[in-house]
PDB file of all heavy atoms in Angstrom:
ATOM      1  N   LEU A   1     -28.556 -17.463  48.360  1.00  0.00           N
ATOM      2  CA  LEU A   1     -28.369 -16.150  48.943  1.00  0.00           C
ATOM      3  C   LEU A   1     -28.850 -15.067  48.027  1.00  0.00           C
ATOM      4  O   LEU A   1     -28.593 -15.170  46.790  1.00  0.00           O
ATOM      5  CB  LEU A   1     -26.815 -15.993  49.195  1.00  0.00           C
ATOM      6  CG  LEU A   1     -26.169 -16.753  50.313  1.00  0.00           C
ATOM      7  CD1 LEU A   1     -24.701 -16.919  50.063  1.00  0.00           C
ATOM      8  CD2 LEU A   1     -26.488 -16.095  51.631  1.00  0.00           C
ATOM      9  N   TYR A   2     -29.466 -14.097  48.571  1.00  0.00           N
ATOM     10  CA  TYR A   2     -29.974 -13.018  47.787  1.00  0.00           C
ATOM     11  C   TYR A   2     -29.582 -11.630  48.401  1.00  0.00           C
ATOM     12  O   TYR A   2     -29.149 -11.614  49.537  1.00  0.00           O
ATOM     13  CB  TYR A   2     -31.505 -13.103  47.626  1.00  0.00           C
ATOM     14  CG  TYR A   2     -31.918 -14.387  46.946  1.00  0.00           C
ATOM     15  CD1 TYR A   2     -32.511 -15.436  47.666  1.00  0.00           C
ATOM     16  CD2 TYR A   2     -31.585 -14.645  45.626  1.00  0.00           C
ATOM     17  CE1 TYR A   2     -32.772 -16.689  47.102  1.00  0.00           C
ATOM     18  CE2 TYR A   2     -31.868 -15.875  45.045  1.00  0.00           C
ATOM     19  CZ  TYR A   2     -32.463 -16.860  45.806  1.00  0.00           C
ATOM     20  OH  TYR A   2     -32.788 -18.075  45.187  1.00  0.00           O
ATOM     21  N   VAL A   3     -29.762 -10.546  47.640  1.00  0.00           N
ATOM     22  CA  VAL A   3     -29.225  -9.252  48.052  1.00  0.00           C
ATOM     23  C   VAL A   3     -30.326  -8.398  48.540  1.00  0.00           C
ATOM     24  O   VAL A   3     -31.351  -8.115  47.758  1.00  0.00           O
ATOM     25  CB  VAL A   3     -28.460  -8.661  46.848  1.00  0.00           C
ATOM     26  CG1 VAL A   3     -27.842  -7.352  47.296  1.00  0.00           C
ATOM     27  CG2 VAL A   3     -27.406  -9.623  46.313  1.00  0.00           C
ATOM     28  N   GLY A   4     -30.237  -7.827  49.700  1.00  0.00           N
ATOM     29  CA  GLY A   4     -31.206  -6.973  50.237  1.00  0.00           C
ATOM     30  C   GLY A   4     -30.605  -5.699  50.840  1.00  0.00           C
ATOM     31  O   GLY A   4     -29.731  -5.813  51.690  1.00  0.00           O
ATOM     32  N   SER A   5     -31.078  -4.528  50.496  1.00  0.00           N
ATOM     33  CA  SER A   5     -30.556  -3.319  50.933  1.00  0.00           C
ATOM     34  C   SER A   5     -31.011  -2.887  52.417  1.00  0.00           C
ATOM     35  O   SER A   5     -30.378  -2.103  53.041  1.00  0.00           O
ATOM     36  CB  SER A   5     -30.850  -2.176  50.034  1.00  0.00           C
ATOM     37  OG  SER A   5     -32.238  -1.802  50.112  1.00  0.00           O
ATOM     38  N   ASP A   6     -32.117  -3.500  52.818  1.00  0.00           N
ATOM     39  CA  ASP A   6     -32.850  -3.061  54.064  1.00  0.00           C
ATOM     40  C   ASP A   6     -33.270  -1.567  53.922  1.00  0.00           C
ATOM     41  O   ASP A   6     -33.325  -0.878  54.991  1.00  0.00           O
ATOM     42  CB  ASP A   6     -31.968  -3.316  55.286  1.00  0.00           C
ATOM     43  CG  ASP A   6     -32.795  -3.641  56.496  1.00  0.00           C
ATOM     44  OD1 ASP A   6     -34.083  -3.546  56.504  1.00  0.00           O
ATOM     45  OD2 ASP A   6     -32.183  -4.139  57.503  1.00  0.00           O
ATOM     46  N   GLY A   7     -33.468  -1.129  52.742  1.00  0.00           N
ATOM     47  CA  GLY A   7     -33.908   0.242  52.507  1.00  0.00           C
ATOM     48  C   GLY A   7     -35.253   0.532  53.234  1.00  0.00           C
ATOM     49  O   GLY A   7     -36.237  -0.178  53.095  1.00  0.00           O
ATOM     50  N   GLY A   8     -35.278   1.656  53.931  1.00  0.00           N
ATOM     51  CA  GLY A   8     -36.440   2.039  54.758  1.00  0.00           C
ATOM     52  C   GLY A   8     -36.040   1.824  56.209  1.00  0.00           C
ATOM     53  O   GLY A   8     -35.301   0.971  56.628  1.00  0.00           O
ATOM     54  N   GLY A   9     -36.548   2.722  57.077  1.00  0.00           N
ATOM     55  CA  GLY A   9     -36.111   2.712  58.449  1.00  0.00           C
ATOM     56  C   GLY A   9     -34.672   3.064  58.589  1.00  0.00           C
ATOM     57  O   GLY A   9     -34.279   4.268  58.197  1.00  0.00           O
ATOM     58  N   THR A  10     -33.804   2.220  58.977  1.00  0.00           N
ATOM     59  CA  THR A  10     -32.392   2.569  59.220  1.00  0.00           C
ATOM     60  C   THR A  10     -31.585   2.483  57.914  1.00  0.00           C
ATOM     61  O   THR A  10     -30.399   2.873  57.815  1.00  0.00           O
ATOM     62  CB  THR A  10     -31.718   1.651  60.259  1.00  0.00           C
ATOM     63  OG1 THR A  10     -31.834   0.315  59.820  1.00  0.00           O
ATOM     64  CG2 THR A  10     -32.392   1.944  61.546  1.00  0.00           C
ATOM     65  N   GLY A  11     -32.155   1.889  56.801  1.00  0.00           N
ATOM     66  CA  GLY A  11     -31.460   1.813  55.533  1.00  0.00           C
ATOM     67  C   GLY A  11     -31.902   2.886  54.594  1.00  0.00           C
ATOM     68  O   GLY A  11     -32.787   3.637  54.820  1.00  0.00           O
ATOM     69  N   ARG A  12     -31.203   2.943  53.437  1.00  0.00           N
ATOM     70  CA  ARG A  12     -31.488   3.922  52.429  1.00  0.00           C
ATOM     71  C   ARG A  12     -31.985   3.235  51.167  1.00  0.00           C
ATOM     72  O   ARG A  12     -31.651   2.064  50.915  1.00  0.00           O
ATOM     73  CB  ARG A  12     -30.253   4.735  52.015  1.00  0.00           C
ATOM     74  CG  ARG A  12     -29.615   5.498  53.245  1.00  0.00           C
ATOM     75  CD  ARG A  12     -28.309   6.086  52.847  1.00  0.00           C
ATOM     76  NE  ARG A  12     -27.297   5.055  52.447  1.00  0.00           N
ATOM     77  CZ  ARG A  12     -26.169   5.264  51.790  1.00  0.00           C
ATOM     78  NH1 ARG A  12     -25.933   6.454  51.288  1.00  0.00           N
ATOM     79  NH2 ARG A  12     -25.336   4.279  51.563  1.00  0.00           N
ATOM     80  N   HIS A  13     -32.777   3.960  50.367  1.00  0.00           N
ATOM     81  CA  HIS A  13     -33.247   3.475  49.153  1.00  0.00           C
ATOM     82  C   HIS A  13     -32.309   3.890  48.019  1.00  0.00           C
ATOM     83  O   HIS A  13     -31.704   5.015  48.105  1.00  0.00           O
ATOM     84  CB  HIS A  13     -34.688   3.937  48.854  1.00  0.00           C
ATOM     85  CG  HIS A  13     -35.677   3.280  49.713  1.00  0.00           C
ATOM     86  ND1 HIS A  13     -36.331   2.107  49.345  1.00  0.00           N
ATOM     87  CD2 HIS A  13     -36.118   3.630  50.903  1.00  0.00           C
ATOM     88  CE1 HIS A  13     -37.190   1.812  50.279  1.00  0.00           C
ATOM     89  NE2 HIS A  13     -37.077   2.669  51.341  1.00  0.00           N
ATOM     90  N   GLY A  14     -32.202   3.144  47.007  1.00  0.00           N
ATOM     91  CA  GLY A  14     -31.348   3.516  45.783  1.00  0.00           C
ATOM     92  C   GLY A  14     -29.887   3.047  45.979  1.00  0.00           C
ATOM     93  O   GLY A  14     -29.068   3.588  45.138  1.00  0.00           O
ATOM     94  N   TYR A  15     -29.617   2.256  46.898  1.00  0.00           N
ATOM     95  CA  TYR A  15     -28.188   1.855  47.105  1.00  0.00           C
ATOM     96  C   TYR A  15     -28.079   0.394  47.178  1.00  0.00           C
ATOM     97  O   TYR A  15     -27.154  -0.144  47.840  1.00  0.00           O
ATOM     98  CB  TYR A  15     -27.688   2.509  48.436  1.00  0.00           C
ATOM     99  CG  TYR A  15     -27.551   3.965  48.302  1.00  0.00           C
ATOM    100  CD1 TYR A  15     -28.617   4.856  48.637  1.00  0.00           C
ATOM    101  CD2 TYR A  15     -26.316   4.582  47.880  1.00  0.00           C
ATOM    102  CE1 TYR A  15     -28.489   6.236  48.474  1.00  0.00           C
ATOM    103  CE2 TYR A  15     -26.212   5.916  47.787  1.00  0.00           C
ATOM    104  CZ  TYR A  15     -27.329   6.720  48.053  1.00  0.00           C
ATOM    105  OH  TYR A  15     -27.162   8.113  47.971  1.00  0.00           O
ATOM    106  N   LEU A  16     -28.761  -0.348  46.371  1.00  0.00           N
ATOM    107  CA  LEU A  16     -28.658  -1.785  46.329  1.00  0.00           C
ATOM    108  C   LEU A  16     -27.207  -2.193  45.869  1.00  0.00           C
ATOM    109  O   LEU A  16     -26.623  -3.183  46.409  1.00  0.00           O
ATOM    110  CB  LEU A  16     -29.623  -2.374  45.339  1.00  0.00           C
ATOM    111  CG  LEU A  16     -29.638  -3.926  45.219  1.00  0.00           C
ATOM    112  CD1 LEU A  16     -30.133  -4.521  46.624  1.00  0.00           C
ATOM    113  CD2 LEU A  16     -30.543  -4.416  44.083  1.00  0.00           C
ATOM    114  N   TRP A  17     -26.666  -1.401  44.979  1.00  0.00           N
ATOM    115  CA  TRP A  17     -25.310  -1.819  44.533  1.00  0.00           C
ATOM    116  C   TRP A  17     -24.285  -1.765  45.670  1.00  0.00           C
ATOM    117  O   TRP A  17     -23.323  -2.600  45.652  1.00  0.00           O
ATOM    118  CB  TRP A  17     -24.819  -0.839  43.392  1.00  0.00           C
ATOM    119  CG  TRP A  17     -24.303   0.493  43.917  1.00  0.00           C
ATOM    120  CD1 TRP A  17     -25.000   1.644  44.217  1.00  0.00           C
ATOM    121  CD2 TRP A  17     -22.943   0.818  44.169  1.00  0.00           C
ATOM    122  NE1 TRP A  17     -24.160   2.621  44.664  1.00  0.00           N
ATOM    123  CE2 TRP A  17     -22.855   2.091  44.647  1.00  0.00           C
ATOM    124  CE3 TRP A  17     -21.760   0.121  44.073  1.00  0.00           C
ATOM    125  CZ2 TRP A  17     -21.691   2.767  44.942  1.00  0.00           C
ATOM    126  CZ3 TRP A  17     -20.501   0.740  44.413  1.00  0.00           C
ATOM    127  CH2 TRP A  17     -20.521   2.018  44.838  1.00  0.00           C
ATOM    128  N   GLU A  18     -24.435  -0.949  46.647  1.00  0.00           N
ATOM    129  CA  GLU A  18     -23.526  -0.955  47.806  1.00  0.00           C
ATOM    130  C   GLU A  18     -23.608  -2.316  48.607  1.00  0.00           C
ATOM    131  O   GLU A  18     -22.619  -2.792  49.074  1.00  0.00           O
ATOM    132  CB  GLU A  18     -23.802   0.198  48.761  1.00  0.00           C
ATOM    133  CG  GLU A  18     -23.481   1.555  48.157  1.00  0.00           C
ATOM    134  CD  GLU A  18     -23.576   2.702  49.192  1.00  0.00           C
ATOM    135  OE1 GLU A  18     -23.919   2.413  50.304  1.00  0.00           O
ATOM    136  OE2 GLU A  18     -23.267   3.880  48.760  1.00  0.00           O
ATOM    137  N   GLU A  19     -24.827  -2.857  48.654  1.00  0.00           N
ATOM    138  CA  GLU A  19     -24.992  -4.179  49.298  1.00  0.00           C
ATOM    139  C   GLU A  19     -24.329  -5.254  48.453  1.00  0.00           C
ATOM    140  O   GLU A  19     -23.684  -6.134  48.998  1.00  0.00           O
ATOM    141  CB  GLU A  19     -26.475  -4.469  49.536  1.00  0.00           C
ATOM    142  CG  GLU A  19     -26.748  -5.858  50.126  1.00  0.00           C
ATOM    143  CD  GLU A  19     -26.295  -5.907  51.695  1.00  0.00           C
ATOM    144  OE1 GLU A  19     -26.099  -4.874  52.265  1.00  0.00           O
ATOM    145  OE2 GLU A  19     -26.239  -7.047  52.144  1.00  0.00           O
ATOM    146  N   VAL A  20     -24.508  -5.137  47.125  1.00  0.00           N
ATOM    147  CA  VAL A  20     -23.758  -6.047  46.253  1.00  0.00           C
ATOM    148  C   VAL A  20     -22.239  -5.954  46.536  1.00  0.00           C
ATOM    149  O   VAL A  20     -21.573  -7.026  46.693  1.00  0.00           O
ATOM    150  CB  VAL A  20     -24.035  -5.691  44.802  1.00  0.00           C
ATOM    151  CG1 VAL A  20     -23.141  -6.457  43.848  1.00  0.00           C
ATOM    152  CG2 VAL A  20     -25.507  -6.058  44.456  1.00  0.00           C
ATOM    153  N   ARG A  21     -21.675  -4.778  46.576  1.00  0.00           N
ATOM    154  CA  ARG A  21     -20.278  -4.627  46.783  1.00  0.00           C
ATOM    155  C   ARG A  21     -19.877  -5.157  48.234  1.00  0.00           C
ATOM    156  O   ARG A  21     -18.821  -5.852  48.384  1.00  0.00           O
ATOM    157  CB  ARG A  21     -19.935  -3.113  46.686  1.00  0.00           C
ATOM    158  CG  ARG A  21     -18.497  -2.840  46.934  1.00  0.00           C
ATOM    159  CD  ARG A  21     -18.244  -1.355  46.858  1.00  0.00           C
ATOM    160  NE  ARG A  21     -18.915  -0.611  47.870  1.00  0.00           N
ATOM    161  CZ  ARG A  21     -18.962   0.746  47.943  1.00  0.00           C
ATOM    162  NH1 ARG A  21     -18.326   1.450  47.056  1.00  0.00           N
ATOM    163  NH2 ARG A  21     -19.619   1.312  48.903  1.00  0.00           N
ATOM    164  N   ALA A  22     -20.718  -4.929  49.203  1.00  0.00           N
ATOM    165  CA  ALA A  22     -20.398  -5.355  50.561  1.00  0.00           C
ATOM    166  C   ALA A  22     -20.389  -6.852  50.646  1.00  0.00           C
ATOM    167  O   ALA A  22     -19.567  -7.451  51.353  1.00  0.00           O
ATOM    168  CB  ALA A  22     -21.356  -4.738  51.539  1.00  0.00           C
ATOM    169  N   MET A  23     -21.288  -7.561  49.965  1.00  0.00           N
ATOM    170  CA  MET A  23     -21.295  -8.953  49.992  1.00  0.00           C
ATOM    171  C   MET A  23     -20.096  -9.566  49.304  1.00  0.00           C
ATOM    172  O   MET A  23     -19.464 -10.560  49.778  1.00  0.00           O
ATOM    173  CB  MET A  23     -22.621  -9.531  49.293  1.00  0.00           C
ATOM    174  CG  MET A  23     -23.840  -9.341  50.181  1.00  0.00           C
ATOM    175  SD  MET A  23     -25.382  -9.833  49.344  1.00  0.00           S
ATOM    176  CE  MET A  23     -25.201 -11.577  49.259  1.00  0.00           C
ATOM    177  N   HIS A  24     -19.601  -8.881  48.230  1.00  0.00           N
ATOM    178  CA  HIS A  24     -18.375  -9.304  47.578  1.00  0.00           C
ATOM    179  C   HIS A  24     -17.177  -9.140  48.505  1.00  0.00           C
ATOM    180  O   HIS A  24     -16.275  -9.970  48.621  1.00  0.00           O
ATOM    181  CB  HIS A  24     -18.178  -8.455  46.329  1.00  0.00           C
ATOM    182  CG  HIS A  24     -16.921  -8.723  45.597  1.00  0.00           C
ATOM    183  ND1 HIS A  24     -16.455  -9.988  45.269  1.00  0.00           N
ATOM    184  CD2 HIS A  24     -15.957  -7.831  45.233  1.00  0.00           C
ATOM    185  CE1 HIS A  24     -15.280  -9.855  44.682  1.00  0.00           C
ATOM    186  NE2 HIS A  24     -14.906  -8.600  44.669  1.00  0.00           N
ATOM    187  N   GLU A  25     -17.166  -7.963  49.202  1.00  0.00           N
ATOM    188  CA  GLU A  25     -16.020  -7.679  50.099  1.00  0.00           C
ATOM    189  C   GLU A  25     -16.001  -8.723  51.305  1.00  0.00           C
ATOM    190  O   GLU A  25     -14.943  -8.901  51.861  1.00  0.00           O
ATOM    191  CB  GLU A  25     -16.168  -6.302  50.644  1.00  0.00           C
ATOM    192  CG  GLU A  25     -15.873  -5.178  49.529  1.00  0.00           C
ATOM    193  CD  GLU A  25     -16.112  -3.831  50.056  1.00  0.00           C
ATOM    194  OE1 GLU A  25     -16.754  -3.552  51.113  1.00  0.00           O
ATOM    195  OE2 GLU A  25     -15.699  -2.839  49.275  1.00  0.00           O
ATOM    196  N   MET A  26     -17.188  -9.327  51.627  1.00  0.00           N
ATOM    197  CA  MET A  26     -17.172 -10.301  52.607  1.00  0.00           C
ATOM    198  C   MET A  26     -16.633 -11.675  52.145  1.00  0.00           C
ATOM    199  O   MET A  26     -16.390 -12.555  52.959  1.00  0.00           O
ATOM    200  CB  MET A  26     -18.631 -10.499  53.101  1.00  0.00           C
ATOM    201  CG  MET A  26     -19.179  -9.327  53.849  1.00  0.00           C
ATOM    202  SD  MET A  26     -18.690  -9.243  55.576  1.00  0.00           S
ATOM    203  CE  MET A  26     -19.824 -10.354  56.306  1.00  0.00           C
ATOM    204  N   GLY A  27     -16.519 -11.816  50.793  1.00  0.00           N
ATOM    205  CA  GLY A  27     -15.932 -13.002  50.301  1.00  0.00           C
ATOM    206  C   GLY A  27     -16.662 -13.665  49.153  1.00  0.00           C
ATOM    207  O   GLY A  27     -16.156 -14.594  48.542  1.00  0.00           O
ATOM    208  N   MET A  28     -17.848 -13.271  48.840  1.00  0.00           N
ATOM    209  CA  MET A  28     -18.577 -13.890  47.749  1.00  0.00           C
ATOM    210  C   MET A  28     -17.984 -13.470  46.432  1.00  0.00           C
ATOM    211  O   MET A  28     -17.756 -12.235  46.220  1.00  0.00           O
ATOM    212  CB  MET A  28     -20.043 -13.519  47.811  1.00  0.00           C
ATOM    213  CG  MET A  28     -20.888 -14.353  48.812  1.00  0.00           C
ATOM    214  SD  MET A  28     -22.643 -14.034  48.684  1.00  0.00           S
ATOM    215  CE  MET A  28     -23.019 -14.723  47.037  1.00  0.00           C
ATOM    216  N   PRO A  29     -17.754 -14.433  45.504  1.00  0.00           N
ATOM    217  CA  PRO A  29     -17.251 -14.021  44.187  1.00  0.00           C
ATOM    218  C   PRO A  29     -18.279 -13.063  43.498  1.00  0.00           C
ATOM    219  O   PRO A  29     -19.450 -13.157  43.556  1.00  0.00           O
ATOM    220  CB  PRO A  29     -17.198 -15.321  43.453  1.00  0.00           C
ATOM    221  CG  PRO A  29     -17.064 -16.389  44.505  1.00  0.00           C
ATOM    222  CD  PRO A  29     -17.893 -15.847  45.664  1.00  0.00           C
ATOM    223  N   ALA A  30     -17.670 -12.051  42.799  1.00  0.00           N
ATOM    224  CA  ALA A  30     -18.536 -11.039  42.128  1.00  0.00           C
ATOM    225  C   ALA A  30     -19.533 -11.674  41.175  1.00  0.00           C
ATOM    226  O   ALA A  30     -20.692 -11.201  41.227  1.00  0.00           O
ATOM    227  CB  ALA A  30     -17.613 -10.056  41.401  1.00  0.00           C
ATOM    228  N   PRO A  31     -19.246 -12.619  40.321  1.00  0.00           N
ATOM    229  CA  PRO A  31     -20.277 -13.208  39.462  1.00  0.00           C
ATOM    230  C   PRO A  31     -21.464 -13.786  40.272  1.00  0.00           C
ATOM    231  O   PRO A  31     -22.606 -13.638  39.861  1.00  0.00           O
ATOM    232  CB  PRO A  31     -19.549 -14.205  38.689  1.00  0.00           C
ATOM    233  CG  PRO A  31     -18.132 -13.806  38.665  1.00  0.00           C
ATOM    234  CD  PRO A  31     -17.904 -13.241  39.990  1.00  0.00           C
ATOM    235  N   ASP A  32     -21.152 -14.362  41.411  1.00  0.00           N
ATOM    236  CA  ASP A  32     -22.245 -14.993  42.240  1.00  0.00           C
ATOM    237  C   ASP A  32     -23.092 -13.883  42.840  1.00  0.00           C
ATOM    238  O   ASP A  32     -24.317 -14.063  42.897  1.00  0.00           O
ATOM    239  CB  ASP A  32     -21.646 -15.788  43.354  1.00  0.00           C
ATOM    240  CG  ASP A  32     -20.961 -17.052  42.876  1.00  0.00           C
ATOM    241  OD1 ASP A  32     -21.187 -17.402  41.722  1.00  0.00           O
ATOM    242  OD2 ASP A  32     -20.299 -17.735  43.685  1.00  0.00           O
ATOM    243  N   VAL A  33     -22.530 -12.780  43.185  1.00  0.00           N
ATOM    244  CA  VAL A  33     -23.417 -11.719  43.778  1.00  0.00           C
ATOM    245  C   VAL A  33     -24.228 -11.058  42.737  1.00  0.00           C
ATOM    246  O   VAL A  33     -25.374 -10.731  42.993  1.00  0.00           O
ATOM    247  CB  VAL A  33     -22.492 -10.684  44.560  1.00  0.00           C
ATOM    248  CG1 VAL A  33     -23.369  -9.723  45.316  1.00  0.00           C
ATOM    249  CG2 VAL A  33     -21.544 -11.328  45.510  1.00  0.00           C
ATOM    250  N   VAL A  34     -23.664 -10.861  41.544  1.00  0.00           N
ATOM    251  CA  VAL A  34     -24.432 -10.266  40.529  1.00  0.00           C
ATOM    252  C   VAL A  34     -25.592 -11.178  40.115  1.00  0.00           C
ATOM    253  O   VAL A  34     -26.753 -10.682  39.960  1.00  0.00           O
ATOM    254  CB  VAL A  34     -23.587 -10.030  39.226  1.00  0.00           C
ATOM    255  CG1 VAL A  34     -24.421  -9.575  38.077  1.00  0.00           C
ATOM    256  CG2 VAL A  34     -22.518  -8.947  39.475  1.00  0.00           C
ATOM    257  N   ALA A  35     -25.331 -12.413  40.101  1.00  0.00           N
ATOM    258  CA  ALA A  35     -26.448 -13.354  39.765  1.00  0.00           C
ATOM    259  C   ALA A  35     -27.545 -13.358  40.941  1.00  0.00           C
ATOM    260  O   ALA A  35     -28.743 -13.359  40.597  1.00  0.00           O
ATOM    261  CB  ALA A  35     -25.912 -14.804  39.634  1.00  0.00           C
ATOM    262  N   ALA A  36     -27.032 -13.275  42.146  1.00  0.00           N
ATOM    263  CA  ALA A  36     -27.926 -13.238  43.288  1.00  0.00           C
ATOM    264  C   ALA A  36     -28.831 -12.002  43.287  1.00  0.00           C
ATOM    265  O   ALA A  36     -29.953 -12.018  43.835  1.00  0.00           O
ATOM    266  CB  ALA A  36     -27.144 -13.394  44.623  1.00  0.00           C
ATOM    267  N   ALA A  37     -28.287 -10.917  42.755  1.00  0.00           N
ATOM    268  CA  ALA A  37     -29.036  -9.588  42.682  1.00  0.00           C
ATOM    269  C   ALA A  37     -29.885  -9.478  41.421  1.00  0.00           C
ATOM    270  O   ALA A  37     -30.575  -8.452  41.337  1.00  0.00           O
ATOM    271  CB  ALA A  37     -28.023  -8.483  42.745  1.00  0.00           C
ATOM    272  N   SER A  38     -29.803 -10.415  40.575  1.00  0.00           N
ATOM    273  CA  SER A  38     -30.470 -10.346  39.307  1.00  0.00           C
ATOM    274  C   SER A  38     -31.280 -11.600  38.908  1.00  0.00           C
ATOM    275  O   SER A  38     -32.347 -11.837  39.552  1.00  0.00           O
ATOM    276  CB  SER A  38     -29.510  -9.944  38.183  1.00  0.00           C
ATOM    277  OG  SER A  38     -30.124  -9.821  36.908  1.00  0.00           O
ATOM    278  N   TRP A  39     -30.792 -12.400  38.000  1.00  0.00           N
ATOM    279  CA  TRP A  39     -31.644 -13.410  37.436  1.00  0.00           C
ATOM    280  C   TRP A  39     -31.989 -14.524  38.415  1.00  0.00           C
ATOM    281  O   TRP A  39     -33.067 -15.056  38.374  1.00  0.00           O
ATOM    282  CB  TRP A  39     -30.977 -14.038  36.162  1.00  0.00           C
ATOM    283  CG  TRP A  39     -29.598 -14.489  36.344  1.00  0.00           C
ATOM    284  CD1 TRP A  39     -29.175 -15.805  36.697  1.00  0.00           C
ATOM    285  CD2 TRP A  39     -28.412 -13.809  36.124  1.00  0.00           C
ATOM    286  NE1 TRP A  39     -27.773 -15.849  36.688  1.00  0.00           N
ATOM    287  CE2 TRP A  39     -27.320 -14.651  36.369  1.00  0.00           C
ATOM    288  CE3 TRP A  39     -28.129 -12.452  35.745  1.00  0.00           C
ATOM    289  CZ2 TRP A  39     -25.948 -14.221  36.258  1.00  0.00           C
ATOM    290  CZ3 TRP A  39     -26.793 -12.045  35.607  1.00  0.00           C
ATOM    291  CH2 TRP A  39     -25.751 -12.967  35.853  1.00  0.00           C
ATOM    292  N   ARG A  40     -31.093 -14.851  39.417  1.00  0.00           N
ATOM    293  CA  ARG A  40     -31.451 -15.902  40.344  1.00  0.00           C
ATOM    294  C   ARG A  40     -32.501 -15.383  41.281  1.00  0.00           C
ATOM    295  O   ARG A  40     -33.399 -16.211  41.640  1.00  0.00           O
ATOM    296  CB  ARG A  40     -30.178 -16.303  41.107  1.00  0.00           C
ATOM    297  CG  ARG A  40     -29.227 -17.181  40.262  1.00  0.00           C
ATOM    298  CD  ARG A  40     -28.054 -17.665  41.016  1.00  0.00           C
ATOM    299  NE  ARG A  40     -27.090 -18.243  40.071  1.00  0.00           N
ATOM    300  CZ  ARG A  40     -25.792 -18.452  40.347  1.00  0.00           C
ATOM    301  NH1 ARG A  40     -25.309 -18.088  41.557  1.00  0.00           N
ATOM    302  NH2 ARG A  40     -24.967 -19.040  39.450  1.00  0.00           N
TER     303      ARG A  40
END
C-alpha cells in the first residue's frame, strides 16, 4: 500500500500528510503509513 493525495483536479497539492492521517484513521498503524509514504 502506498500514499497518494490525488492532488490536481479535485484534489489539492501540498497535503500529502492529510492522506497519511486519513489512512491511519481508517485503521492502518501509524508506523506502516509513514513507511508507505517514505522509504517503502
